[in-house]
Amino acid sequence: MILHLDTHVVVWLYSGTRKRFPQRAAAALDHARLVYTPIVGLELTYLHEVGRVSVAAAEILGYLRDRISLVPDETPYLTVAREAEQITWTRDPFDRLITAAASVTAAPLLTSDGLIRERYPAAVWE
């Protein structure tokens, strides 16, 4: 099974705060092929630029690639963008694109975000 990761999940995995994950989320991490949409990299860059994340995106993603085999999703950007156009329940462009990347293939998305979990049926957390 492929499991998409939301940006905060990537940050928590990098920082080693595995205790933040409820049992269902931790089990999903242990039994799936882990992927992220390149938009997660862009959001990490933005968060680094504004000082909310202290480490550059390339370092975070490279570390997780080496440690847990996290790889970028290769769904074509145009496909993801068209799917994101249909997501009207959030104004956050990162959330729209991250959810769209998972939605294109009906893949689960690991996220603690309440709005995404409420609106995206394949969201995984608790």
Protein backbone atom coordinates (compact mmCIF):
# COMPACT_ATOMS: atom_id res chain seq x y z
CA MET A 1 0.00 0.00 0.00
CA ILE A 2 1.14 3.54 -0.79
CA LEU A 3 0.71 6.10 1.98
CA HIS A 4 0.97 9.84 1.30
CA LEU A 5 2.37 11.98 4.11
CA ASP A 6 1.20 15.46 5.04
CA THR A 7 3.86 18.09 5.70
CA HIS A 8 3.60 18.05 9.49
CA VAL A 9 3.96 14.26 9.45
CA VAL A 10 7.22 14.63 7.51
CA VAL A 11 8.49 17.18 10.05
CA TRP A 12 7.54 14.98 13.00
CA LEU A 13 9.24 11.95 11.45
CA TYR A 14 12.38 14.00 10.84
CA SER A 15 12.41 15.29 14.41
CA GLY A 16 11.91 11.78 15.81
CA THR A 17 8.68 12.57 17.61
CA ARG A 18 7.07 9.23 16.85
CA LYS A 19 5.09 9.44 20.11
CA ARG A 20 2.85 12.07 18.45
CA PHE A 21 1.33 9.36 16.27
CA PRO A 22 -1.68 7.42 17.52
CA GLN A 23 -1.59 3.65 17.16
CA ARG A 24 -3.43 3.56 13.80
CA ALA A 25 -1.12 6.19 12.29
CA ALA A 26 2.00 4.42 13.57
CA ALA A 27 0.79 1.11 12.17
CA ALA A 28 0.16 2.71 8.79
CA LEU A 29 3.72 4.09 8.76
CA ASP A 30 5.11 0.63 9.50
CA HIS A 31 3.18 -1.17 6.76
CA ALA A 32 3.20 1.07 3.70
CA ARG A 33 5.37 2.50 0.97
CA LEU A 34 5.78 6.11 2.10
CA VAL A 35 5.49 8.95 -0.42
CA TYR A 36 5.14 12.72 -0.41
CA THR A 37 3.93 15.03 -3.11
CA PRO A 38 6.60 17.54 -4.21
CA ILE A 39 4.25 20.22 -2.84
CA VAL A 40 5.32 19.03 0.63
CA GLY A 41 8.86 20.04 -0.32
CA LEU A 42 7.61 23.45 -1.37
CA GLU A 43 5.69 23.88 1.88
CA LEU A 44 8.77 22.84 3.88
CA THR A 45 10.79 25.46 1.99
CA TYR A 46 8.18 28.10 2.78
CA LEU A 47 8.12 27.10 6.46
CA HIS A 48 11.92 27.29 6.58
CA GLU A 49 11.90 30.74 4.96
CA VAL A 50 9.45 32.10 7.54
CA GLY A 51 11.30 30.49 10.44
CA ARG A 52 8.74 27.85 11.42
CA VAL A 53 11.07 24.99 10.47
CA SER A 54 14.77 25.29 11.27
CA VAL A 55 16.05 22.81 8.67
CA ALA A 56 15.94 23.12 4.87
CA ALA A 57 13.52 20.93 2.91
CA ALA A 58 16.30 19.10 1.06
CA GLU A 59 17.91 18.04 4.33
CA ILE A 60 14.63 16.80 5.81
CA LEU A 61 13.59 14.89 2.71
CA GLY A 62 17.06 13.47 2.11
CA TYR A 63 17.31 12.26 5.69
CA LEU A 64 13.92 10.55 5.48
CA ARG A 65 14.73 9.06 2.08
CA ASP A 66 17.80 7.41 3.63
CA ARG A 67 16.16 6.37 6.91
CA ILE A 68 12.64 5.29 5.95
CA SER A 69 12.77 5.13 2.14
CA LEU A 70 10.45 8.14 1.74
CA VAL A 71 10.15 8.95 -1.96
CA PRO A 72 8.37 11.63 -3.98
CA ASP A 73 5.09 10.78 -5.63
CA GLU A 74 5.42 10.93 -9.40
CA THR A 75 1.87 11.81 -10.34
CA PRO A 76 2.03 14.46 -13.09
CA TYR A 77 1.60 17.97 -11.75
CA LEU A 78 -1.18 18.82 -14.22
CA THR A 79 -3.19 15.84 -12.97
CA VAL A 80 -2.73 16.94 -9.35
CA ALA A 81 -3.55 20.58 -10.13
CA ARG A 82 -6.76 19.60 -11.93
CA GLU A 83 -7.80 17.45 -8.99
CA ALA A 84 -6.99 20.32 -6.58
CA GLU A 85 -9.35 22.57 -8.53
CA GLN A 86 -12.18 20.32 -7.34
CA ILE A 87 -11.22 20.70 -3.67
CA THR A 88 -13.20 23.71 -2.55
CA TRP A 89 -13.44 23.02 1.19
CA THR A 90 -10.15 24.76 2.05
CA ARG A 91 -8.45 27.96 1.00
CA ASP A 92 -4.99 26.58 1.89
CA PRO A 93 -3.26 25.85 -1.44
CA PHE A 94 -0.82 23.41 0.18
CA ASP A 95 -3.64 21.37 1.74
CA ARG A 96 -5.52 21.37 -1.56
CA LEU A 97 -2.54 20.07 -3.53
CA ILE A 98 -1.39 17.57 -0.90
CA THR A 99 -4.89 16.12 -0.64
CA ALA A 100 -5.29 16.14 -4.42
CA ALA A 101 -2.07 14.19 -4.90
CA ALA A 102 -3.42 11.40 -2.71
CA SER A 103 -6.93 11.68 -4.12
CA VAL A 104 -5.89 11.14 -7.73
CA THR A 105 -5.18 7.50 -6.94
CA ALA A 106 -7.55 7.23 -3.94
CA ALA A 107 -4.49 6.65 -1.77
CA PRO A 108 -4.55 7.16 1.98
CA LEU A 109 -3.11 10.40 3.36
CA LEU A 110 -1.57 10.38 6.82
CA THR A 111 -2.54 13.64 8.51
CA SER A 112 -3.59 14.97 11.89
CA ASP A 113 -5.34 17.91 10.18
CA GLY A 114 -8.96 17.80 11.31
CA LEU A 115 -10.42 19.47 8.22
CA ILE A 116 -8.62 17.12 5.84
CA ARG A 117 -9.67 14.12 7.93
CA GLU A 118 -13.26 15.35 7.89
CA ARG A 119 -13.37 15.96 4.13
CA TYR A 120 -11.00 13.35 2.61
CA PRO A 121 -12.41 9.86 3.18
CA ALA A 122 -9.03 8.12 2.80
CA ALA A 123 -7.33 10.24 5.48
CA VAL A 124 -5.65 8.16 8.19
CA TRP A 125 -4.88 9.16 11.76
CA GLU A 126 -6.86 7.77 14.70
